[in-house]
Amino acid sequence: MTASPAKTNQQTNQPTNKLINKFRLYWPLIKSLQTGLLLVTGLAGFMSTRCPFTNWQTVLALTGSLFLAVSGSTVLNMWYDRDIDGQMGRTKQRPLPAGLIPPNEALRLGLVLSLLGVAWAVALDALYGLIVFAGLFFDVVVYTIWLKRRTPWSIVWGGISGGMPVLAGRALGTGQIEWVGIVLSLAVLFWIPTHILTFSLRYEDDYRRAGVPTFPAVYGRHATHIIIALSSILAAVMMGMAAYGIGLTWGYLRLMAVLSTGLLLLAVSSATKPCERTNFGLFKYASLYMLSAMLLLMFVV
């Protein structure tokens, strides 16, 4: 007696379905939008050195190593922060605080991804690998484990970590750490408060409930709005300096100026006439601004 074709197909598809379901369960651990944005900055740093697109092997290696390293550090952060995530309304349904993934499995995944990413980066280029490792170290050890639960100024180190991918990409293309790469990383560093502080204003109660110190809780909402405006100005200035140093044409520079003006207007409006709608609009636009600016740098070659 033989099994029916339908039953045989169902049995064959079971391992595939389990793999797909597991992938869907673990995928949120890497925060794909955040990881994708950092990956774009790394590629922009490399492409802005006018390296030819025909060098696809290096582009592929940069993409793979940076994706693994950033994903690994994000998974490790999610593993470490699972307790405070469970206390906040917007994060308590994440796989780890919701109990959908065993913590030990997430820890192993984060370590494996991180080690593979850093090892690949070092094999590609020693300086590039060192910068990638520095970004991972600052993000996981300094920002998340050491400072995040102690001081709102931890975001500075989070910003330094966020600036490492673009610096690494630039260093891979030029073979050194030069001023344009540093200015690009500073642009990301100053952009981070605009991104994070608008978020902490929106979810101030969540962070207070979890015991995480934020600028709104420690210094007040007015001071936070002023810091957001100042950091937005500095981010736009740094991006403009980098674009000029790279050699963008006036057409690209004018487009960069338009993008920066939108960021500055929203930041000033948020500081002078703060409201929930303007604040969240600035949060959304800040991400769009950084993505658009980096894409401009990528396609200038």
C-alpha atoms as a PDB file:
ATOM      1  CA  MET A   1       0.000   0.000   0.000  1.00  0.00           C
ATOM      2  CA  THR A   2       1.559   3.341  -1.085  1.00  0.00           C
ATOM      3  CA  ALA A   3       1.092   6.814   0.351  1.00  0.00           C
ATOM      4  CA  SER A   4      -1.062   9.233  -1.596  1.00  0.00           C
ATOM      5  CA  PRO A   5       0.713  11.980  -3.578  1.00  0.00           C
ATOM      6  CA  ALA A   6      -0.930  14.687  -1.453  1.00  0.00           C
ATOM      7  CA  LYS A   7       0.332  13.118   1.761  1.00  0.00           C
ATOM      8  CA  THR A   8       3.815  12.647   0.312  1.00  0.00           C
ATOM      9  CA  ASN A   9       3.980  16.311  -0.765  1.00  0.00           C
ATOM     10  CA  GLN A  10       2.804  17.424   2.673  1.00  0.00           C
ATOM     11  CA  GLN A  11       5.560  15.405   4.364  1.00  0.00           C
ATOM     12  CA  THR A  12       8.152  16.773   1.933  1.00  0.00           C
ATOM     13  CA  ASN A  13       7.095  20.362   2.596  1.00  0.00           C
ATOM     14  CA  GLN A  14       7.181  20.042   6.394  1.00  0.00           C
ATOM     15  CA  PRO A  15      10.954  20.711   6.798  1.00  0.00           C
ATOM     16  CA  THR A  16      10.696  23.661   4.389  1.00  0.00           C
ATOM     17  CA  ASN A  17       7.720  25.122   6.241  1.00  0.00           C
ATOM     18  CA  LYS A  18       9.508  24.740   9.584  1.00  0.00           C
ATOM     19  CA  LEU A  19      12.560  26.541   8.194  1.00  0.00           C
ATOM     20  CA  ILE A  20      10.434  29.378   6.823  1.00  0.00           C
ATOM     21  CA  ASN A  21       8.544  29.729  10.102  1.00  0.00           C
ATOM     22  CA  LYS A  22      11.779  29.805  12.078  1.00  0.00           C
ATOM     23  CA  PHE A  23      13.217  32.432   9.743  1.00  0.00           C
ATOM     24  CA  ARG A  24      10.127  34.588  10.217  1.00  0.00           C
ATOM     25  CA  LEU A  25      10.446  34.206  13.980  1.00  0.00           C
ATOM     26  CA  TYR A  26      14.121  35.176  14.130  1.00  0.00           C
ATOM     27  CA  TRP A  27      14.088  37.870  11.453  1.00  0.00           C
ATOM     28  CA  PRO A  28      12.760  40.661  13.778  1.00  0.00           C
ATOM     29  CA  LEU A  29      15.832  40.178  15.987  1.00  0.00           C
ATOM     30  CA  ILE A  30      18.041  41.957  13.449  1.00  0.00           C
ATOM     31  CA  LYS A  31      15.765  45.032  13.109  1.00  0.00           C
ATOM     32  CA  SER A  32      15.951  44.877   9.330  1.00  0.00           C
ATOM     33  CA  LEU A  33      15.152  48.563   8.676  1.00  0.00           C
ATOM     34  CA  GLN A  34      17.846  49.791  11.069  1.00  0.00           C
ATOM     35  CA  THR A  35      20.348  47.224   9.803  1.00  0.00           C
ATOM     36  CA  GLY A  36      19.504  48.079   6.210  1.00  0.00           C
ATOM     37  CA  LEU A  37      20.098  51.797   6.792  1.00  0.00           C
ATOM     38  CA  LEU A  38      23.496  51.157   8.398  1.00  0.00           C
ATOM     39  CA  LEU A  39      24.376  48.845   5.523  1.00  0.00           C
ATOM     40  CA  VAL A  40      23.534  51.609   3.041  1.00  0.00           C
ATOM     41  CA  THR A  41      25.853  54.014   4.905  1.00  0.00           C
ATOM     42  CA  GLY A  42      28.686  51.497   4.663  1.00  0.00           C
ATOM     43  CA  LEU A  43      28.130  51.037   0.943  1.00  0.00           C
ATOM     44  CA  ALA A  44      27.895  54.815   0.492  1.00  0.00           C
ATOM     45  CA  GLY A  45      31.235  55.277   2.230  1.00  0.00           C
ATOM     46  CA  PHE A  46      32.850  52.763  -0.102  1.00  0.00           C
ATOM     47  CA  MET A  47      31.146  53.967  -3.281  1.00  0.00           C
ATOM     48  CA  SER A  48      31.986  57.597  -2.521  1.00  0.00           C
ATOM     49  CA  THR A  49      35.689  56.791  -2.987  1.00  0.00           C
ATOM     50  CA  ARG A  50      34.880  56.432  -6.717  1.00  0.00           C
ATOM     51  CA  CYS A  51      35.677  52.741  -6.664  1.00  0.00           C
ATOM     52  CA  PRO A  52      34.396  51.152  -9.883  1.00  0.00           C
ATOM     53  CA  PHE A  53      31.123  49.271  -9.752  1.00  0.00           C
ATOM     54  CA  THR A  54      32.859  46.497 -11.719  1.00  0.00           C
ATOM     55  CA  ASN A  55      34.660  45.534  -8.497  1.00  0.00           C
ATOM     56  CA  TRP A  56      31.609  43.509  -7.520  1.00  0.00           C
ATOM     57  CA  GLN A  57      33.558  40.978  -5.406  1.00  0.00           C
ATOM     58  CA  THR A  58      34.609  43.691  -2.937  1.00  0.00           C
ATOM     59  CA  VAL A  59      31.117  45.195  -2.904  1.00  0.00           C
ATOM     60  CA  LEU A  60      29.659  41.763  -2.177  1.00  0.00           C
ATOM     61  CA  ALA A  61      32.202  41.091   0.586  1.00  0.00           C
ATOM     62  CA  LEU A  62      31.540  44.478   2.193  1.00  0.00           C
ATOM     63  CA  THR A  63      27.796  43.904   2.038  1.00  0.00           C
ATOM     64  CA  GLY A  64      28.015  40.411   3.524  1.00  0.00           C
ATOM     65  CA  SER A  65      30.501  41.176   6.293  1.00  0.00           C
ATOM     66  CA  LEU A  66      28.778  44.379   7.343  1.00  0.00           C
ATOM     67  CA  PHE A  67      25.335  42.766   7.289  1.00  0.00           C
ATOM     68  CA  LEU A  68      26.535  39.919   9.515  1.00  0.00           C
ATOM     69  CA  ALA A  69      28.359  42.202  11.964  1.00  0.00           C
ATOM     70  CA  VAL A  70      25.512  44.713  12.295  1.00  0.00           C
ATOM     71  CA  SER A  71      22.893  41.959  12.531  1.00  0.00           C
ATOM     72  CA  GLY A  72      24.952  40.151  15.152  1.00  0.00           C
ATOM     73  CA  SER A  73      25.352  43.231  17.313  1.00  0.00           C
ATOM     74  CA  THR A  74      21.616  43.956  17.034  1.00  0.00           C
ATOM     75  CA  VAL A  75      20.692  40.413  18.083  1.00  0.00           C
ATOM     76  CA  LEU A  76      23.061  40.681  21.072  1.00  0.00           C
ATOM     77  CA  ASN A  77      21.448  43.993  22.042  1.00  0.00           C
ATOM     78  CA  MET A  78      17.986  42.433  21.791  1.00  0.00           C
ATOM     79  CA  TRP A  79      19.172  39.518  23.928  1.00  0.00           C
ATOM     80  CA  TYR A  80      20.600  41.788  26.634  1.00  0.00           C
ATOM     81  CA  ASP A  81      17.623  44.187  26.649  1.00  0.00           C
ATOM     82  CA  ARG A  82      14.922  41.522  26.704  1.00  0.00           C
ATOM     83  CA  ASP A  83      14.029  42.383  30.313  1.00  0.00           C
ATOM     84  CA  ILE A  84      13.384  46.086  29.699  1.00  0.00           C
ATOM     85  CA  ASP A  85      11.709  45.292  26.366  1.00  0.00           C
ATOM     86  CA  GLY A  86       9.218  43.212  28.315  1.00  0.00           C
ATOM     87  CA  GLN A  87       8.243  46.283  30.368  1.00  0.00           C
ATOM     88  CA  MET A  88       7.517  48.575  27.422  1.00  0.00           C
ATOM     89  CA  GLY A  89       4.279  48.468  25.487  1.00  0.00           C
ATOM     90  CA  ARG A  90       5.849  48.942  22.056  1.00  0.00           C
ATOM     91  CA  THR A  91       8.445  46.165  22.539  1.00  0.00           C
ATOM     92  CA  LYS A  92       6.877  43.560  24.819  1.00  0.00           C
ATOM     93  CA  GLN A  93       5.642  41.543  21.819  1.00  0.00           C
ATOM     94  CA  ARG A  94       9.141  41.091  20.418  1.00  0.00           C
ATOM     95  CA  PRO A  95      10.167  37.419  20.140  1.00  0.00           C
ATOM     96  CA  LEU A  96      12.469  37.386  23.186  1.00  0.00           C
ATOM     97  CA  PRO A  97      10.319  39.162  25.822  1.00  0.00           C
ATOM     98  CA  ALA A  98       7.267  37.328  24.470  1.00  0.00           C
ATOM     99  CA  GLY A  99       9.012  34.005  25.147  1.00  0.00           C
ATOM    100  CA  LEU A 100       8.907  32.861  21.520  1.00  0.00           C
ATOM    101  CA  ILE A 101      12.681  32.378  21.311  1.00  0.00           C
ATOM    102  CA  PRO A 102      14.887  30.886  24.062  1.00  0.00           C
ATOM    103  CA  PRO A 103      17.461  33.477  25.235  1.00  0.00           C
ATOM    104  CA  ASN A 104      20.350  31.026  24.837  1.00  0.00           C
ATOM    105  CA  GLU A 105      19.486  30.495  21.174  1.00  0.00           C
ATOM    106  CA  ALA A 106      19.398  34.235  20.551  1.00  0.00           C
ATOM    107  CA  LEU A 107      22.746  34.660  22.325  1.00  0.00           C
ATOM    108  CA  ARG A 108      24.355  31.935  20.214  1.00  0.00           C
ATOM    109  CA  LEU A 109      22.916  33.440  17.033  1.00  0.00           C
ATOM    110  CA  GLY A 110      24.201  36.912  17.917  1.00  0.00           C
ATOM    111  CA  LEU A 111      27.680  35.628  18.730  1.00  0.00           C
ATOM    112  CA  VAL A 112      27.911  33.523  15.565  1.00  0.00           C
ATOM    113  CA  LEU A 113      26.744  36.367  13.304  1.00  0.00           C
ATOM    114  CA  SER A 114      29.111  38.819  14.989  1.00  0.00           C
ATOM    115  CA  LEU A 115      32.133  36.529  14.784  1.00  0.00           C
ATOM    116  CA  LEU A 116      31.469  35.655  11.156  1.00  0.00           C
ATOM    117  CA  GLY A 117      30.993  39.310  10.226  1.00  0.00           C
ATOM    118  CA  VAL A 118      34.151  40.535  11.956  1.00  0.00           C
ATOM    119  CA  ALA A 119      36.236  37.596  10.687  1.00  0.00           C
ATOM    120  CA  TRP A 120      35.085  38.219   7.112  1.00  0.00           C
ATOM    121  CA  ALA A 121      35.811  41.937   7.492  1.00  0.00           C
ATOM    122  CA  VAL A 122      39.338  41.312   8.818  1.00  0.00           C
ATOM    123  CA  ALA A 123      40.018  38.834   6.012  1.00  0.00           C
ATOM    124  CA  LEU A 124      38.915  41.465   3.498  1.00  0.00           C
ATOM    125  CA  ASP A 125      41.085  44.245   4.940  1.00  0.00           C
ATOM    126  CA  ALA A 126      42.703  44.680   8.355  1.00  0.00           C
ATOM    127  CA  LEU A 127      41.796  48.363   8.806  1.00  0.00           C
ATOM    128  CA  TYR A 128      38.255  47.796   7.599  1.00  0.00           C
ATOM    129  CA  GLY A 129      37.900  44.841   9.966  1.00  0.00           C
ATOM    130  CA  LEU A 130      39.226  46.867  12.907  1.00  0.00           C
ATOM    131  CA  ILE A 131      36.648  49.603  12.339  1.00  0.00           C
ATOM    132  CA  VAL A 132      33.828  47.062  11.979  1.00  0.00           C
ATOM    133  CA  PHE A 133      34.897  45.443  15.258  1.00  0.00           C
ATOM    134  CA  ALA A 134      35.069  48.865  16.951  1.00  0.00           C
ATOM    135  CA  GLY A 135      31.503  49.599  15.867  1.00  0.00           C
ATOM    136  CA  LEU A 136      30.288  46.293  17.265  1.00  0.00           C
ATOM    137  CA  PHE A 137      32.202  46.781  20.535  1.00  0.00           C
ATOM    138  CA  PHE A 138      30.927  50.330  21.079  1.00  0.00           C
ATOM    139  CA  ASP A 139      27.364  49.269  20.303  1.00  0.00           C
ATOM    140  CA  VAL A 140      27.109  46.120  22.412  1.00  0.00           C
ATOM    141  CA  VAL A 141      29.584  46.586  25.253  1.00  0.00           C
ATOM    142  CA  VAL A 142      29.847  50.364  25.751  1.00  0.00           C
ATOM    143  CA  TYR A 143      26.374  51.547  24.733  1.00  0.00           C
ATOM    144  CA  THR A 144      24.023  48.672  25.568  1.00  0.00           C
ATOM    145  CA  ILE A 145      25.686  46.832  28.438  1.00  0.00           C
ATOM    146  CA  TRP A 146      27.596  49.632  30.188  1.00  0.00           C
ATOM    147  CA  LEU A 147      25.818  52.968  29.665  1.00  0.00           C
ATOM    148  CA  LYS A 148      22.257  52.623  28.337  1.00  0.00           C
ATOM    149  CA  ARG A 149      20.702  51.979  31.752  1.00  0.00           C
ATOM    150  CA  ARG A 150      22.929  54.507  33.524  1.00  0.00           C
ATOM    151  CA  THR A 151      22.870  57.765  31.596  1.00  0.00           C
ATOM    152  CA  PRO A 152      20.986  59.414  28.715  1.00  0.00           C
ATOM    153  CA  TRP A 153      24.376  60.397  27.292  1.00  0.00           C
ATOM    154  CA  SER A 154      24.785  56.788  26.226  1.00  0.00           C
ATOM    155  CA  ILE A 155      23.335  57.876  22.874  1.00  0.00           C
ATOM    156  CA  VAL A 156      26.667  59.561  22.104  1.00  0.00           C
ATOM    157  CA  TRP A 157      28.343  56.162  22.093  1.00  0.00           C
ATOM    158  CA  GLY A 158      25.425  54.743  20.169  1.00  0.00           C
ATOM    159  CA  GLY A 159      26.041  57.493  17.623  1.00  0.00           C
ATOM    160  CA  ILE A 160      29.758  56.697  17.446  1.00  0.00           C
ATOM    161  CA  SER A 161      28.867  53.075  16.799  1.00  0.00           C
ATOM    162  CA  GLY A 162      26.344  54.118  14.149  1.00  0.00           C
ATOM    163  CA  GLY A 163      29.053  56.102  12.372  1.00  0.00           C
ATOM    164  CA  MET A 164      31.418  53.154  12.081  1.00  0.00           C
ATOM    165  CA  PRO A 165      29.883  51.488   8.976  1.00  0.00           C
ATOM    166  CA  VAL A 166      30.313  54.557   6.773  1.00  0.00           C
ATOM    167  CA  LEU A 167      33.828  55.107   8.140  1.00  0.00           C
ATOM    168  CA  ALA A 168      34.647  51.445   7.507  1.00  0.00           C
ATOM    169  CA  GLY A 169      33.356  51.607   3.931  1.00  0.00           C
ATOM    170  CA  ARG A 170      35.329  54.768   3.252  1.00  0.00           C
ATOM    171  CA  ALA A 171      38.484  53.242   4.755  1.00  0.00           C
ATOM    172  CA  LEU A 172      38.076  50.125   2.625  1.00  0.00           C
ATOM    173  CA  GLY A 173      37.923  52.265  -0.515  1.00  0.00           C
ATOM    174  CA  THR A 174      40.796  54.627   0.316  1.00  0.00           C
ATOM    175  CA  GLY A 175      43.011  52.337   2.390  1.00  0.00           C
ATOM    176  CA  GLN A 176      43.155  54.855   5.239  1.00  0.00           C
ATOM    177  CA  ILE A 177      41.112  56.905   7.693  1.00  0.00           C
ATOM    178  CA  GLU A 178      40.858  60.364   6.125  1.00  0.00           C
ATOM    179  CA  TRP A 179      38.914  63.512   6.915  1.00  0.00           C
ATOM    180  CA  VAL A 180      35.951  62.823   4.620  1.00  0.00           C
ATOM    181  CA  GLY A 181      35.334  59.461   6.299  1.00  0.00           C
ATOM    182  CA  ILE A 182      35.529  61.083   9.722  1.00  0.00           C
ATOM    183  CA  VAL A 183      33.116  63.855   8.704  1.00  0.00           C
ATOM    184  CA  LEU A 184      30.683  61.290   7.297  1.00  0.00           C
ATOM    185  CA  SER A 185      30.783  59.355  10.568  1.00  0.00           C
ATOM    186  CA  LEU A 186      30.210  62.634  12.448  1.00  0.00           C
ATOM    187  CA  ALA A 187      27.167  63.283  10.243  1.00  0.00           C
ATOM    188  CA  VAL A 188      25.714  59.974  11.421  1.00  0.00           C
ATOM    189  CA  LEU A 189      26.761  60.715  15.019  1.00  0.00           C
ATOM    190  CA  PHE A 190      24.898  64.043  15.012  1.00  0.00           C
ATOM    191  CA  TRP A 191      21.947  62.503  13.177  1.00  0.00           C
ATOM    192  CA  ILE A 192      21.488  59.859  15.893  1.00  0.00           C
ATOM    193  CA  PRO A 193      20.032  62.290  18.517  1.00  0.00           C
ATOM    194  CA  THR A 194      17.463  63.507  15.979  1.00  0.00           C
ATOM    195  CA  HIS A 195      16.467  59.895  15.397  1.00  0.00           C
ATOM    196  CA  ILE A 196      16.599  58.607  18.976  1.00  0.00           C
ATOM    197  CA  LEU A 197      15.430  61.657  20.942  1.00  0.00           C
ATOM    198  CA  THR A 198      12.299  62.139  18.847  1.00  0.00           C
ATOM    199  CA  PHE A 199      11.573  58.498  19.570  1.00  0.00           C
ATOM    200  CA  SER A 200      12.173  58.929  23.313  1.00  0.00           C
ATOM    201  CA  LEU A 201       9.784  61.894  23.339  1.00  0.00           C
ATOM    202  CA  ARG A 202       7.063  59.797  21.724  1.00  0.00           C
ATOM    203  CA  TYR A 203       7.565  56.860  24.120  1.00  0.00           C
ATOM    204  CA  GLU A 204       8.686  58.730  27.238  1.00  0.00           C
ATOM    205  CA  ASP A 205       6.353  56.779  29.529  1.00  0.00           C
ATOM    206  CA  ASP A 206       7.596  53.455  28.183  1.00  0.00           C
ATOM    207  CA  TYR A 207      11.220  54.318  28.905  1.00  0.00           C
ATOM    208  CA  ARG A 208      10.359  55.651  32.366  1.00  0.00           C
ATOM    209  CA  ARG A 209       8.471  52.450  33.156  1.00  0.00           C
ATOM    210  CA  ALA A 210      11.488  50.376  32.110  1.00  0.00           C
ATOM    211  CA  GLY A 211      13.886  52.515  34.144  1.00  0.00           C
ATOM    212  CA  VAL A 212      15.917  53.671  31.126  1.00  0.00           C
ATOM    213  CA  PRO A 213      17.169  57.273  31.574  1.00  0.00           C
ATOM    214  CA  THR A 214      16.315  59.518  28.629  1.00  0.00           C
ATOM    215  CA  PHE A 215      16.884  63.205  27.872  1.00  0.00           C
ATOM    216  CA  PRO A 216      13.176  64.094  28.254  1.00  0.00           C
ATOM    217  CA  ALA A 217      13.086  62.457  31.696  1.00  0.00           C
ATOM    218  CA  VAL A 218      16.396  63.909  32.935  1.00  0.00           C
ATOM    219  CA  TYR A 219      16.585  67.335  31.255  1.00  0.00           C
ATOM    220  CA  GLY A 220      12.981  67.998  30.252  1.00  0.00           C
ATOM    221  CA  ARG A 221      11.170  68.103  26.917  1.00  0.00           C
ATOM    222  CA  HIS A 222      12.146  71.687  26.054  1.00  0.00           C
ATOM    223  CA  ALA A 223      15.865  71.003  26.408  1.00  0.00           C
ATOM    224  CA  THR A 224      15.425  67.811  24.396  1.00  0.00           C
ATOM    225  CA  HIS A 225      13.815  69.721  21.533  1.00  0.00           C
ATOM    226  CA  ILE A 226      16.713  72.201  21.518  1.00  0.00           C
ATOM    227  CA  ILE A 227      19.255  69.359  21.417  1.00  0.00           C
ATOM    228  CA  ILE A 228      17.363  67.780  18.516  1.00  0.00           C
ATOM    229  CA  ALA A 229      17.460  71.065  16.587  1.00  0.00           C
ATOM    230  CA  LEU A 230      21.177  71.593  17.230  1.00  0.00           C
ATOM    231  CA  SER A 231      22.090  68.025  16.325  1.00  0.00           C
ATOM    232  CA  SER A 232      20.065  68.313  13.098  1.00  0.00           C
ATOM    233  CA  ILE A 233      21.982  71.459  12.132  1.00  0.00           C
ATOM    234  CA  LEU A 234      25.317  69.785  12.841  1.00  0.00           C
ATOM    235  CA  ALA A 235      24.311  66.643  10.909  1.00  0.00           C
ATOM    236  CA  ALA A 236      23.374  68.757   7.872  1.00  0.00           C
ATOM    237  CA  VAL A 237      26.628  70.746   8.078  1.00  0.00           C
ATOM    238  CA  MET A 238      28.734  67.586   8.323  1.00  0.00           C
ATOM    239  CA  MET A 239      26.923  65.989   5.401  1.00  0.00           C
ATOM    240  CA  GLY A 240      27.435  69.119   3.319  1.00  0.00           C
ATOM    241  CA  MET A 241      31.161  69.214   4.137  1.00  0.00           C
ATOM    242  CA  ALA A 242      31.533  65.553   3.208  1.00  0.00           C
ATOM    243  CA  ALA A 243      29.639  66.021  -0.048  1.00  0.00           C
ATOM    244  CA  TYR A 244      31.922  68.935  -0.978  1.00  0.00           C
ATOM    245  CA  GLY A 245      35.038  66.947  -0.033  1.00  0.00           C
ATOM    246  CA  ILE A 246      33.929  63.998  -2.138  1.00  0.00           C
ATOM    247  CA  GLY A 247      33.459  66.315  -5.100  1.00  0.00           C
ATOM    248  CA  LEU A 248      29.737  66.237  -5.754  1.00  0.00           C
ATOM    249  CA  THR A 249      28.617  68.443  -8.615  1.00  0.00           C
ATOM    250  CA  TRP A 250      26.547  71.547  -7.922  1.00  0.00           C
ATOM    251  CA  GLY A 251      23.422  69.683  -8.980  1.00  0.00           C
ATOM    252  CA  TYR A 252      23.982  67.059  -6.279  1.00  0.00           C
ATOM    253  CA  LEU A 253      24.951  69.725  -3.758  1.00  0.00           C
ATOM    254  CA  ARG A 254      21.738  71.658  -4.423  1.00  0.00           C
ATOM    255  CA  LEU A 255      19.689  68.511  -3.925  1.00  0.00           C
ATOM    256  CA  MET A 256      21.583  67.834  -0.690  1.00  0.00           C
ATOM    257  CA  ALA A 257      20.831  71.414   0.395  1.00  0.00           C
ATOM    258  CA  VAL A 258      17.103  70.891  -0.242  1.00  0.00           C
ATOM    259  CA  LEU A 259      17.099  67.714   1.847  1.00  0.00           C
ATOM    260  CA  SER A 260      19.032  69.445   4.653  1.00  0.00           C
ATOM    261  CA  THR A 261      16.689  72.446   4.606  1.00  0.00           C
ATOM    262  CA  GLY A 262      13.707  70.153   5.154  1.00  0.00           C
ATOM    263  CA  LEU A 263      15.458  68.561   8.121  1.00  0.00           C
ATOM    264  CA  LEU A 264      16.359  71.936   9.627  1.00  0.00           C
ATOM    265  CA  LEU A 265      12.868  73.392   9.199  1.00  0.00           C
ATOM    266  CA  LEU A 266      11.280  70.404  10.915  1.00  0.00           C
ATOM    267  CA  ALA A 267      13.867  70.519  13.711  1.00  0.00           C
ATOM    268  CA  VAL A 268      13.345  74.252  14.334  1.00  0.00           C
ATOM    269  CA  SER A 269       9.564  73.815  14.192  1.00  0.00           C
ATOM    270  CA  SER A 270       9.815  70.976  16.686  1.00  0.00           C
ATOM    271  CA  ALA A 271      11.850  73.177  19.047  1.00  0.00           C
ATOM    272  CA  THR A 272       9.725  76.334  18.778  1.00  0.00           C
ATOM    273  CA  LYS A 273       6.267  74.797  18.452  1.00  0.00           C
ATOM    274  CA  PRO A 274       6.550  71.274  19.822  1.00  0.00           C
ATOM    275  CA  CYS A 275       3.698  68.881  19.204  1.00  0.00           C
ATOM    276  CA  GLU A 276       3.288  65.152  18.731  1.00  0.00           C
ATOM    277  CA  ARG A 277       2.653  65.406  14.989  1.00  0.00           C
ATOM    278  CA  THR A 278       5.733  67.562  14.265  1.00  0.00           C
ATOM    279  CA  ASN A 279       7.913  65.440  16.509  1.00  0.00           C
ATOM    280  CA  PHE A 280       6.941  62.180  14.805  1.00  0.00           C
ATOM    281  CA  GLY A 281       7.217  63.826  11.396  1.00  0.00           C
ATOM    282  CA  LEU A 282      10.787  64.792  12.227  1.00  0.00           C
ATOM    283  CA  PHE A 283      11.509  61.223  13.346  1.00  0.00           C
ATOM    284  CA  LYS A 284      10.288  59.859  10.013  1.00  0.00           C
ATOM    285  CA  TYR A 285      11.977  62.536   7.922  1.00  0.00           C
ATOM    286  CA  ALA A 286      15.327  62.095   9.715  1.00  0.00           C
ATOM    287  CA  SER A 287      15.531  58.476   8.549  1.00  0.00           C
ATOM    288  CA  LEU A 288      14.485  59.454   5.020  1.00  0.00           C
ATOM    289  CA  TYR A 289      17.065  62.254   5.036  1.00  0.00           C
ATOM    290  CA  MET A 290      19.960  60.000   5.995  1.00  0.00           C
ATOM    291  CA  LEU A 291      18.922  57.312   3.518  1.00  0.00           C
ATOM    292  CA  SER A 292      18.556  59.832   0.669  1.00  0.00           C
ATOM    293  CA  ALA A 293      21.844  61.570   1.462  1.00  0.00           C
ATOM    294  CA  MET A 294      23.732  58.284   1.505  1.00  0.00           C
ATOM    295  CA  LEU A 295      22.121  57.137  -1.745  1.00  0.00           C
ATOM    296  CA  LEU A 296      23.318  60.362  -3.361  1.00  0.00           C
ATOM    297  CA  LEU A 297      26.857  59.556  -2.270  1.00  0.00           C
ATOM    298  CA  MET A 298      26.547  55.992  -3.564  1.00  0.00           C
ATOM    299  CA  PHE A 299      25.589  57.025  -7.086  1.00  0.00           C
ATOM    300  CA  VAL A 300      27.946  59.961  -7.506  1.00  0.00           C
ATOM    301  CA  VAL A 301      30.557  57.697  -9.154  1.00  0.00           C
END
